[in-house]
């Protein structure tokens, strides 16, 4: 088993969720977080 952890832009959540539903992903957890990276 694997855990996939993705950090994405907040405005992309619905698009990502819809895409995951289309490939039959049946469960995920979502958090609103803050951080910074190379940008």
ModelCIF file with pLDDT and N, C-alpha, C, O atoms, coordinates in Angstrom:
data_MODEL
#
_entry.id   MODEL 
#
_entity.id                         1 
_entity.type                       polymer 
_entity.pdbx_number_of_molecules   1 
#
_entity_poly.entity_id                      1 
_entity_poly.type                           'polypeptide(L)' 
_entity_poly.nstd_linkage                   no 
_entity_poly.nstd_monomer                   no 
_entity_poly.pdbx_seq_one_letter_code       
;(UNK)(UNK)(UNK)(UNK)(UNK)(UNK)(UNK)(UNK)(UNK)(UNK)(UNK)(UNK)(UNK)(UNK)(UNK)(UNK)
(UNK)(UNK)(UNK)(UNK)(UNK)(UNK)(UNK)(UNK)(UNK)(UNK)(UNK)(UNK)(UNK)(UNK)(UNK)(UNK)
(UNK)(UNK)(UNK)(UNK)(UNK)(UNK)(UNK)
;
_entity_poly.pdbx_seq_one_letter_code_can   XXXXXXXXXXXXXXXXXXXXXXXXXXXXXXXXXXXXXXX 
_entity_poly.pdbx_strand_id                 A 
#
loop_
_entity_poly_seq.entity_id 
_entity_poly_seq.num 
_entity_poly_seq.mon_id 
_entity_poly_seq.hetero 
1 1  UNK n 
1 2  UNK n 
1 3  UNK n 
1 4  UNK n 
1 5  UNK n 
1 6  UNK n 
1 7  UNK n 
1 8  UNK n 
1 9  UNK n 
1 10 UNK n 
1 11 UNK n 
1 12 UNK n 
1 13 UNK n 
1 14 UNK n 
1 15 UNK n 
1 16 UNK n 
1 17 UNK n 
1 18 UNK n 
1 19 UNK n 
1 20 UNK n 
1 21 UNK n 
1 22 UNK n 
1 23 UNK n 
1 24 UNK n 
1 25 UNK n 
1 26 UNK n 
1 27 UNK n 
1 28 UNK n 
1 29 UNK n 
1 30 UNK n 
1 31 UNK n 
1 32 UNK n 
1 33 UNK n 
1 34 UNK n 
1 35 UNK n 
1 36 UNK n 
1 37 UNK n 
1 38 UNK n 
1 39 UNK n 
#
_struct_asym.id          A 
_struct_asym.entity_id   1 
#
loop_
_ma_qa_metric.id 
_ma_qa_metric.mode 
_ma_qa_metric.name 
_ma_qa_metric.software_group_id 
_ma_qa_metric.type 
1 global pLDDT . pLDDT 
2 local  pLDDT . pLDDT 
#
_ma_qa_metric_global.metric_id      1 
_ma_qa_metric_global.metric_value   94.13 
_ma_qa_metric_global.model_id       1 
_ma_qa_metric_global.ordinal_id     1 
#
loop_
_ma_qa_metric_local.label_asym_id 
_ma_qa_metric_local.label_comp_id 
_ma_qa_metric_local.label_seq_id 
_ma_qa_metric_local.metric_id 
_ma_qa_metric_local.metric_value 
_ma_qa_metric_local.model_id 
_ma_qa_metric_local.ordinal_id 
A UNK 1  2 96.00 1 1  
A UNK 2  2 98.00 1 2  
A UNK 3  2 98.00 1 3  
A UNK 4  2 98.00 1 4  
A UNK 5  2 98.00 1 5  
A UNK 6  2 98.00 1 6  
A UNK 7  2 98.00 1 7  
A UNK 8  2 97.00 1 8  
A UNK 9  2 96.00 1 9  
A UNK 10 2 97.00 1 10 
A UNK 11 2 97.00 1 11 
A UNK 12 2 97.00 1 12 
A UNK 13 2 98.00 1 13 
A UNK 14 2 98.00 1 14 
A UNK 15 2 98.00 1 15 
A UNK 16 2 98.00 1 16 
A UNK 17 2 98.00 1 17 
A UNK 18 2 98.00 1 18 
A UNK 19 2 98.00 1 19 
A UNK 20 2 98.00 1 20 
A UNK 21 2 97.00 1 21 
A UNK 22 2 98.00 1 22 
A UNK 23 2 98.00 1 23 
A UNK 24 2 97.00 1 24 
A UNK 25 2 96.00 1 25 
A UNK 26 2 87.00 1 26 
A UNK 27 2 93.00 1 27 
A UNK 28 2 97.00 1 28 
A UNK 29 2 98.00 1 29 
A UNK 30 2 98.00 1 30 
A UNK 31 2 97.00 1 31 
A UNK 32 2 97.00 1 32 
A UNK 33 2 96.00 1 33 
A UNK 34 2 92.00 1 34 
A UNK 35 2 87.00 1 35 
A UNK 36 2 81.00 1 36 
A UNK 37 2 77.00 1 37 
A UNK 38 2 70.00 1 38 
A UNK 39 2 63.00 1 39 
#
loop_
_atom_site.group_PDB 
_atom_site.id 
_atom_site.type_symbol 
_atom_site.label_atom_id 
_atom_site.label_alt_id 
_atom_site.label_comp_id 
_atom_site.label_asym_id 
_atom_site.label_entity_id 
_atom_site.label_seq_id 
_atom_site.pdbx_PDB_ins_code 
_atom_site.Cartn_x 
_atom_site.Cartn_y 
_atom_site.Cartn_z 
_atom_site.occupancy 
_atom_site.B_iso_or_equiv 
_atom_site.pdbx_formal_charge 
_atom_site.auth_seq_id 
_atom_site.auth_comp_id 
_atom_site.auth_asym_id 
_atom_site.auth_atom_id 
_atom_site.pdbx_PDB_model_num 
ATOM 1   N N  . UNK A 1 1  ? 0.842   -1.180 0.000   1.00 96.00 ? 1  UNK A N  1 
ATOM 2   C CA . UNK A 1 1  ? 0.000   0.000  0.000   1.00 96.00 ? 1  UNK A CA 1 
ATOM 3   C C  . UNK A 1 1  ? 0.882   1.236  0.000   1.00 96.00 ? 1  UNK A C  1 
ATOM 4   O O  . UNK A 1 1  ? 2.022   1.211  0.464   1.00 96.00 ? 1  UNK A O  1 
ATOM 5   N N  . UNK A 1 2  ? 0.324   2.325  -0.535  1.00 98.00 ? 2  UNK A N  1 
ATOM 6   C CA . UNK A 1 2  ? 1.044   3.582  -0.640  1.00 98.00 ? 2  UNK A CA 1 
ATOM 7   C C  . UNK A 1 2  ? 0.165   4.733  -0.154  1.00 98.00 ? 2  UNK A C  1 
ATOM 8   O O  . UNK A 1 2  ? -1.064  4.660  -0.189  1.00 98.00 ? 2  UNK A O  1 
ATOM 9   N N  . UNK A 1 3  ? 0.821   5.782  0.294   1.00 98.00 ? 3  UNK A N  1 
ATOM 10  C CA . UNK A 1 3  ? 0.141   7.035  0.589   1.00 98.00 ? 3  UNK A CA 1 
ATOM 11  C C  . UNK A 1 3  ? 0.619   8.048  -0.446  1.00 98.00 ? 3  UNK A C  1 
ATOM 12  O O  . UNK A 1 3  ? 1.821   8.240  -0.633  1.00 98.00 ? 3  UNK A O  1 
ATOM 13  N N  . UNK A 1 4  ? -0.321  8.685  -1.107  1.00 98.00 ? 4  UNK A N  1 
ATOM 14  C CA . UNK A 1 4  ? -0.009  9.773  -2.021  1.00 98.00 ? 4  UNK A CA 1 
ATOM 15  C C  . UNK A 1 4  ? -0.391  11.056 -1.310  1.00 98.00 ? 4  UNK A C  1 
ATOM 16  O O  . UNK A 1 4  ? -1.528  11.221 -0.867  1.00 98.00 ? 4  UNK A O  1 
ATOM 17  N N  . UNK A 1 5  ? 0.565   11.961 -1.204  1.00 98.00 ? 5  UNK A N  1 
ATOM 18  C CA . UNK A 1 5  ? 0.339   13.249 -0.548  1.00 98.00 ? 5  UNK A CA 1 
ATOM 19  C C  . UNK A 1 5  ? 0.622   14.334 -1.577  1.00 98.00 ? 5  UNK A C  1 
ATOM 20  O O  . UNK A 1 5  ? 1.725   14.416 -2.117  1.00 98.00 ? 5  UNK A O  1 
ATOM 21  N N  . UNK A 1 6  ? -0.371  15.160 -1.845  1.00 98.00 ? 6  UNK A N  1 
ATOM 22  C CA . UNK A 1 6  ? -0.225  16.229 -2.834  1.00 98.00 ? 6  UNK A CA 1 
ATOM 23  C C  . UNK A 1 6  ? -0.477  17.575 -2.178  1.00 98.00 ? 6  UNK A C  1 
ATOM 24  O O  . UNK A 1 6  ? -1.394  17.733 -1.372  1.00 98.00 ? 6  UNK A O  1 
ATOM 25  N N  . UNK A 1 7  ? 0.353   18.538 -2.538  1.00 98.00 ? 7  UNK A N  1 
ATOM 26  C CA . UNK A 1 7  ? 0.196   19.928 -2.100  1.00 98.00 ? 7  UNK A CA 1 
ATOM 27  C C  . UNK A 1 7  ? -0.146  20.728 -3.347  1.00 98.00 ? 7  UNK A C  1 
ATOM 28  O O  . UNK A 1 7  ? 0.654   20.805 -4.279  1.00 98.00 ? 7  UNK A O  1 
ATOM 29  N N  . UNK A 1 8  ? -1.339  21.326 -3.365  1.00 97.00 ? 8  UNK A N  1 
ATOM 30  C CA . UNK A 1 8  ? -1.816  22.004 -4.572  1.00 97.00 ? 8  UNK A CA 1 
ATOM 31  C C  . UNK A 1 8  ? -2.341  23.395 -4.233  1.00 97.00 ? 8  UNK A C  1 
ATOM 32  O O  . UNK A 1 8  ? -2.513  23.747 -3.066  1.00 97.00 ? 8  UNK A O  1 
ATOM 33  N N  . UNK A 1 9  ? -2.591  24.178 -5.284  1.00 96.00 ? 9  UNK A N  1 
ATOM 34  C CA . UNK A 1 9  ? -3.199  25.497 -5.127  1.00 96.00 ? 9  UNK A CA 1 
ATOM 35  C C  . UNK A 1 9  ? -4.657  25.318 -4.673  1.00 96.00 ? 9  UNK A C  1 
ATOM 36  O O  . UNK A 1 9  ? -5.345  24.427 -5.170  1.00 96.00 ? 9  UNK A O  1 
ATOM 37  N N  . UNK A 1 10 ? -5.134  26.146 -3.741  1.00 97.00 ? 10 UNK A N  1 
ATOM 38  C CA . UNK A 1 10 ? -6.512  25.989 -3.258  1.00 97.00 ? 10 UNK A CA 1 
ATOM 39  C C  . UNK A 1 10 ? -7.575  26.055 -4.359  1.00 97.00 ? 10 UNK A C  1 
ATOM 40  O O  . UNK A 1 10 ? -8.568  25.329 -4.302  1.00 97.00 ? 10 UNK A O  1 
ATOM 41  N N  . UNK A 1 11 ? -7.374  26.912 -5.353  1.00 97.00 ? 11 UNK A N  1 
ATOM 42  C CA . UNK A 1 11 ? -8.389  27.061 -6.401  1.00 97.00 ? 11 UNK A CA 1 
ATOM 43  C C  . UNK A 1 11 ? -8.423  25.862 -7.359  1.00 97.00 ? 11 UNK A C  1 
ATOM 44  O O  . UNK A 1 11 ? -9.303  25.787 -8.217  1.00 97.00 ? 11 UNK A O  1 
ATOM 45  N N  . UNK A 1 12 ? -7.473  24.923 -7.222  1.00 97.00 ? 12 UNK A N  1 
ATOM 46  C CA . UNK A 1 12 ? -7.455  23.734 -8.070  1.00 97.00 ? 12 UNK A CA 1 
ATOM 47  C C  . UNK A 1 12 ? -8.125  22.525 -7.410  1.00 97.00 ? 12 UNK A C  1 
ATOM 48  O O  . UNK A 1 12 ? -8.227  21.467 -8.030  1.00 97.00 ? 12 UNK A O  1 
ATOM 49  N N  . UNK A 1 13 ? -8.578  22.666 -6.173  1.00 98.00 ? 13 UNK A N  1 
ATOM 50  C CA . UNK A 1 13 ? -9.123  21.513 -5.438  1.00 98.00 ? 13 UNK A CA 1 
ATOM 51  C C  . UNK A 1 13 ? -10.311 20.879 -6.148  1.00 98.00 ? 13 UNK A C  1 
ATOM 52  O O  . UNK A 1 13 ? -10.355 19.656 -6.275  1.00 98.00 ? 13 UNK A O  1 
ATOM 53  N N  . UNK A 1 14 ? -11.271 21.663 -6.613  1.00 98.00 ? 14 UNK A N  1 
ATOM 54  C CA . UNK A 1 14 ? -12.449 21.077 -7.245  1.00 98.00 ? 14 UNK A CA 1 
ATOM 55  C C  . UNK A 1 14 ? -12.077 20.343 -8.532  1.00 98.00 ? 14 UNK A C  1 
ATOM 56  O O  . UNK A 1 14 ? -12.600 19.264 -8.810  1.00 98.00 ? 14 UNK A O  1 
ATOM 57  N N  . UNK A 1 15 ? -11.184 20.923 -9.305  1.00 98.00 ? 15 UNK A N  1 
ATOM 58  C CA . UNK A 1 15 ? -10.743 20.284 -10.556 1.00 98.00 ? 15 UNK A CA 1 
ATOM 59  C C  . UNK A 1 15 ? -10.036 18.958 -10.271 1.00 98.00 ? 15 UNK A C  1 
ATOM 60  O O  . UNK A 1 15 ? -10.264 17.966 -10.963 1.00 98.00 ? 15 UNK A O  1 
ATOM 61  N N  . UNK A 1 16 ? -9.178  18.946 -9.248  1.00 98.00 ? 16 UNK A N  1 
ATOM 62  C CA . UNK A 1 16 ? -8.463  17.715 -8.878  1.00 98.00 ? 16 UNK A CA 1 
ATOM 63  C C  . UNK A 1 16 ? -9.453  16.672 -8.344  1.00 98.00 ? 16 UNK A C  1 
ATOM 64  O O  . UNK A 1 16 ? -9.376  15.499 -8.708  1.00 98.00 ? 16 UNK A O  1 
ATOM 65  N N  . UNK A 1 17 ? -10.375 17.099 -7.487  1.00 98.00 ? 17 UNK A N  1 
ATOM 66  C CA . UNK A 1 17 ? -11.378 16.183 -6.933  1.00 98.00 ? 17 UNK A CA 1 
ATOM 67  C C  . UNK A 1 17 ? -12.216 15.556 -8.045  1.00 98.00 ? 17 UNK A C  1 
ATOM 68  O O  . UNK A 1 17 ? -12.437 14.345 -8.053  1.00 98.00 ? 17 UNK A O  1 
ATOM 69  N N  . UNK A 1 18 ? -12.676 16.371 -8.972  1.00 98.00 ? 18 UNK A N  1 
ATOM 70  C CA . UNK A 1 18 ? -13.481 15.852 -10.088 1.00 98.00 ? 18 UNK A CA 1 
ATOM 71  C C  . UNK A 1 18 ? -12.683 14.830 -10.907 1.00 98.00 ? 18 UNK A C  1 
ATOM 72  O O  . UNK A 1 18 ? -13.217 13.790 -11.293 1.00 98.00 ? 18 UNK A O  1 
ATOM 73  N N  . UNK A 1 19 ? -11.410 15.127 -11.171 1.00 98.00 ? 19 UNK A N  1 
ATOM 74  C CA . UNK A 1 19 ? -10.567 14.210 -11.939 1.00 98.00 ? 19 UNK A CA 1 
ATOM 75  C C  . UNK A 1 19 ? -10.363 12.890 -11.195 1.00 98.00 ? 19 UNK A C  1 
ATOM 76  O O  . UNK A 1 19 ? -10.369 11.824 -11.811 1.00 98.00 ? 19 UNK A O  1 
ATOM 77  N N  . UNK A 1 20 ? -10.182 12.957 -9.878  1.00 98.00 ? 20 UNK A N  1 
ATOM 78  C CA . UNK A 1 20 ? -10.009 11.739 -9.078  1.00 98.00 ? 20 UNK A CA 1 
ATOM 79  C C  . UNK A 1 20 ? -11.289 10.912 -9.042  1.00 98.00 ? 20 UNK A C  1 
ATOM 80  O O  . UNK A 1 20 ? -11.226 9.683  -9.052  1.00 98.00 ? 20 UNK A O  1 
ATOM 81  N N  . UNK A 1 21 ? -12.446 11.565 -9.000  1.00 97.00 ? 21 UNK A N  1 
ATOM 82  C CA . UNK A 1 21 ? -13.721 10.828 -9.065  1.00 97.00 ? 21 UNK A CA 1 
ATOM 83  C C  . UNK A 1 21 ? -13.848 10.094 -10.395 1.00 97.00 ? 21 UNK A C  1 
ATOM 84  O O  . UNK A 1 21 ? -14.359 8.975  -10.438 1.00 97.00 ? 21 UNK A O  1 
ATOM 85  N N  . UNK A 1 22 ? -13.388 10.712 -11.480 1.00 98.00 ? 22 UNK A N  1 
ATOM 86  C CA . UNK A 1 22 ? -13.488 10.075 -12.800 1.00 98.00 ? 22 UNK A CA 1 
ATOM 87  C C  . UNK A 1 22 ? -12.664 8.796  -12.890 1.00 98.00 ? 22 UNK A C  1 
ATOM 88  O O  . UNK A 1 22 ? -12.997 7.905  -13.671 1.00 98.00 ? 22 UNK A O  1 
ATOM 89  N N  . UNK A 1 23 ? -11.584 8.690  -12.097 1.00 98.00 ? 23 UNK A N  1 
ATOM 90  C CA . UNK A 1 23 ? -10.788 7.445  -12.116 1.00 98.00 ? 23 UNK A CA 1 
ATOM 91  C C  . UNK A 1 23 ? -11.144 6.546  -10.925 1.00 98.00 ? 23 UNK A C  1 
ATOM 92  O O  . UNK A 1 23 ? -10.428 5.594  -10.613 1.00 98.00 ? 23 UNK A O  1 
ATOM 93  N N  . UNK A 1 24 ? -12.248 6.863  -10.277 1.00 97.00 ? 24 UNK A N  1 
ATOM 94  C CA . UNK A 1 24 ? -12.823 6.034  -9.218  1.00 97.00 ? 24 UNK A CA 1 
ATOM 95  C C  . UNK A 1 24 ? -11.987 5.980  -7.941  1.00 97.00 ? 24 UNK A C  1 
ATOM 96  O O  . UNK A 1 24 ? -11.883 4.929  -7.309  1.00 97.00 ? 24 UNK A O  1 
ATOM 97  N N  . UNK A 1 25 ? -11.399 7.099  -7.567  1.00 96.00 ? 25 UNK A N  1 
ATOM 98  C CA . UNK A 1 25 ? -10.779 7.203  -6.238  1.00 96.00 ? 25 UNK A CA 1 
ATOM 99  C C  . UNK A 1 25 ? -11.927 7.425  -5.264  1.00 96.00 ? 25 UNK A C  1 
ATOM 100 O O  . UNK A 1 25 ? -12.693 8.379  -5.408  1.00 96.00 ? 25 UNK A O  1 
ATOM 101 N N  . UNK A 1 26 ? -12.050 6.543  -4.271  1.00 87.00 ? 26 UNK A N  1 
ATOM 102 C CA . UNK A 1 26 ? -13.220 6.554  -3.399  1.00 87.00 ? 26 UNK A CA 1 
ATOM 103 C C  . UNK A 1 26 ? -12.981 7.196  -2.044  1.00 87.00 ? 26 UNK A C  1 
ATOM 104 O O  . UNK A 1 26 ? -13.908 7.276  -1.238  1.00 87.00 ? 26 UNK A O  1 
ATOM 105 N N  . UNK A 1 27 ? -11.771 7.656  -1.768  1.00 93.00 ? 27 UNK A N  1 
ATOM 106 C CA . UNK A 1 27 ? -11.540 8.288  -0.481  1.00 93.00 ? 27 UNK A CA 1 
ATOM 107 C C  . UNK A 1 27 ? -10.268 9.111  -0.486  1.00 93.00 ? 27 UNK A C  1 
ATOM 108 O O  . UNK A 1 27 ? -9.257  8.726  -1.073  1.00 93.00 ? 27 UNK A O  1 
ATOM 109 N N  . UNK A 1 28 ? -10.339 10.245 0.176   1.00 97.00 ? 28 UNK A N  1 
ATOM 110 C CA . UNK A 1 28 ? -9.162  11.085 0.360   1.00 97.00 ? 28 UNK A CA 1 
ATOM 111 C C  . UNK A 1 28 ? -9.422  12.028 1.516   1.00 97.00 ? 28 UNK A C  1 
ATOM 112 O O  . UNK A 1 28 ? -10.567 12.279 1.893   1.00 97.00 ? 28 UNK A O  1 
ATOM 113 N N  . UNK A 1 29 ? -8.350  12.541 2.065   1.00 98.00 ? 29 UNK A N  1 
ATOM 114 C CA . UNK A 1 29 ? -8.445  13.541 3.123   1.00 98.00 ? 29 UNK A CA 1 
ATOM 115 C C  . UNK A 1 29 ? -7.871  14.843 2.591   1.00 98.00 ? 29 UNK A C  1 
ATOM 116 O O  . UNK A 1 29 ? -6.938  14.842 1.788   1.00 98.00 ? 29 UNK A O  1 
ATOM 117 N N  . UNK A 1 30 ? -8.440  15.957 3.047   1.00 98.00 ? 30 UNK A N  1 
ATOM 118 C CA . UNK A 1 30 ? -8.029  17.275 2.564   1.00 98.00 ? 30 UNK A CA 1 
ATOM 119 C C  . UNK A 1 30 ? -7.838  18.205 3.750   1.00 98.00 ? 30 UNK A C  1 
ATOM 120 O O  . UNK A 1 30 ? -8.658  18.246 4.668   1.00 98.00 ? 30 UNK A O  1 
ATOM 121 N N  . UNK A 1 31 ? -6.733  18.958 3.713   1.00 97.00 ? 31 UNK A N  1 
ATOM 122 C CA . UNK A 1 31 ? -6.445  19.961 4.739   1.00 97.00 ? 31 UNK A CA 1 
ATOM 123 C C  . UNK A 1 31 ? -6.179  21.293 4.065   1.00 97.00 ? 31 UNK A C  1 
ATOM 124 O O  . UNK A 1 31 ? -5.600  21.342 2.979   1.00 97.00 ? 31 UNK A O  1 
ATOM 125 N N  . UNK A 1 32 ? -6.599  22.373 4.705   1.00 97.00 ? 32 UNK A N  1 
ATOM 126 C CA . UNK A 1 32 ? -6.171  23.712 4.317   1.00 97.00 ? 32 UNK A CA 1 
ATOM 127 C C  . UNK A 1 32 ? -4.935  24.020 5.144   1.00 97.00 ? 32 UNK A C  1 
ATOM 128 O O  . UNK A 1 32 ? -4.984  24.002 6.374   1.00 97.00 ? 32 UNK A O  1 
ATOM 129 N N  . UNK A 1 33 ? -3.829  24.303 4.473   1.00 96.00 ? 33 UNK A N  1 
ATOM 130 C CA . UNK A 1 33 ? -2.565  24.543 5.172   1.00 96.00 ? 33 UNK A CA 1 
ATOM 131 C C  . UNK A 1 33 ? -1.926  25.821 4.656   1.00 96.00 ? 33 UNK A C  1 
ATOM 132 O O  . UNK A 1 33 ? -2.422  26.439 3.714   1.00 96.00 ? 33 UNK A O  1 
ATOM 133 N N  . UNK A 1 34 ? -0.823  26.212 5.279   1.00 92.00 ? 34 UNK A N  1 
ATOM 134 C CA . UNK A 1 34 ? -0.013  27.336 4.814   1.00 92.00 ? 34 UNK A CA 1 
ATOM 135 C C  . UNK A 1 34 ? 1.444   26.904 4.826   1.00 92.00 ? 34 UNK A C  1 
ATOM 136 O O  . UNK A 1 34 ? 1.853   26.119 5.681   1.00 92.00 ? 34 UNK A O  1 
ATOM 137 N N  . UNK A 1 35 ? 2.219   27.406 3.893   1.00 87.00 ? 35 UNK A N  1 
ATOM 138 C CA . UNK A 1 35 ? 3.633   27.077 3.843   1.00 87.00 ? 35 UNK A CA 1 
ATOM 139 C C  . UNK A 1 35 ? 4.331   27.945 2.819   1.00 87.00 ? 35 UNK A C  1 
ATOM 140 O O  . UNK A 1 35 ? 3.736   28.854 2.240   1.00 87.00 ? 35 UNK A O  1 
ATOM 141 N N  . UNK A 1 36 ? 5.591   27.654 2.605   1.00 81.00 ? 36 UNK A N  1 
ATOM 142 C CA . UNK A 1 36 ? 6.316   28.335 1.532   1.00 81.00 ? 36 UNK A CA 1 
ATOM 143 C C  . UNK A 1 36 ? 7.339   27.381 0.962   1.00 81.00 ? 36 UNK A C  1 
ATOM 144 O O  . UNK A 1 36 ? 7.802   26.458 1.631   1.00 81.00 ? 36 UNK A O  1 
ATOM 145 N N  . UNK A 1 37 ? 7.677   27.622 -0.277  1.00 77.00 ? 37 UNK A N  1 
ATOM 146 C CA . UNK A 1 37 ? 8.651   26.786 -0.969  1.00 77.00 ? 37 UNK A CA 1 
ATOM 147 C C  . UNK A 1 37 ? 9.583   27.672 -1.758  1.00 77.00 ? 37 UNK A C  1 
ATOM 148 O O  . UNK A 1 37 ? 9.831   28.821 -1.393  1.00 77.00 ? 37 UNK A O  1 
ATOM 149 N N  . UNK A 1 38 ? 10.091  27.132 -2.835  1.00 70.00 ? 38 UNK A N  1 
ATOM 150 C CA . UNK A 1 38 ? 11.078  27.846 -3.640  1.00 70.00 ? 38 UNK A CA 1 
ATOM 151 C C  . UNK A 1 38 ? 10.538  29.136 -4.233  1.00 70.00 ? 38 UNK A C  1 
ATOM 152 O O  . UNK A 1 38 ? 11.307  30.064 -4.484  1.00 70.00 ? 38 UNK A O  1 
ATOM 153 N N  . UNK A 1 39 ? 9.229   29.216 -4.463  1.00 63.00 ? 39 UNK A N  1 
ATOM 154 C CA . UNK A 1 39 ? 8.693   30.451 -5.032  1.00 63.00 ? 39 UNK A CA 1 
ATOM 155 C C  . UNK A 1 39 ? 8.919   31.643 -4.113  1.00 63.00 ? 39 UNK A C  1 
ATOM 156 O O  . UNK A 1 39 ? 8.527   32.762 -4.444  1.00 63.00 ? 39 UNK A O  1 
#
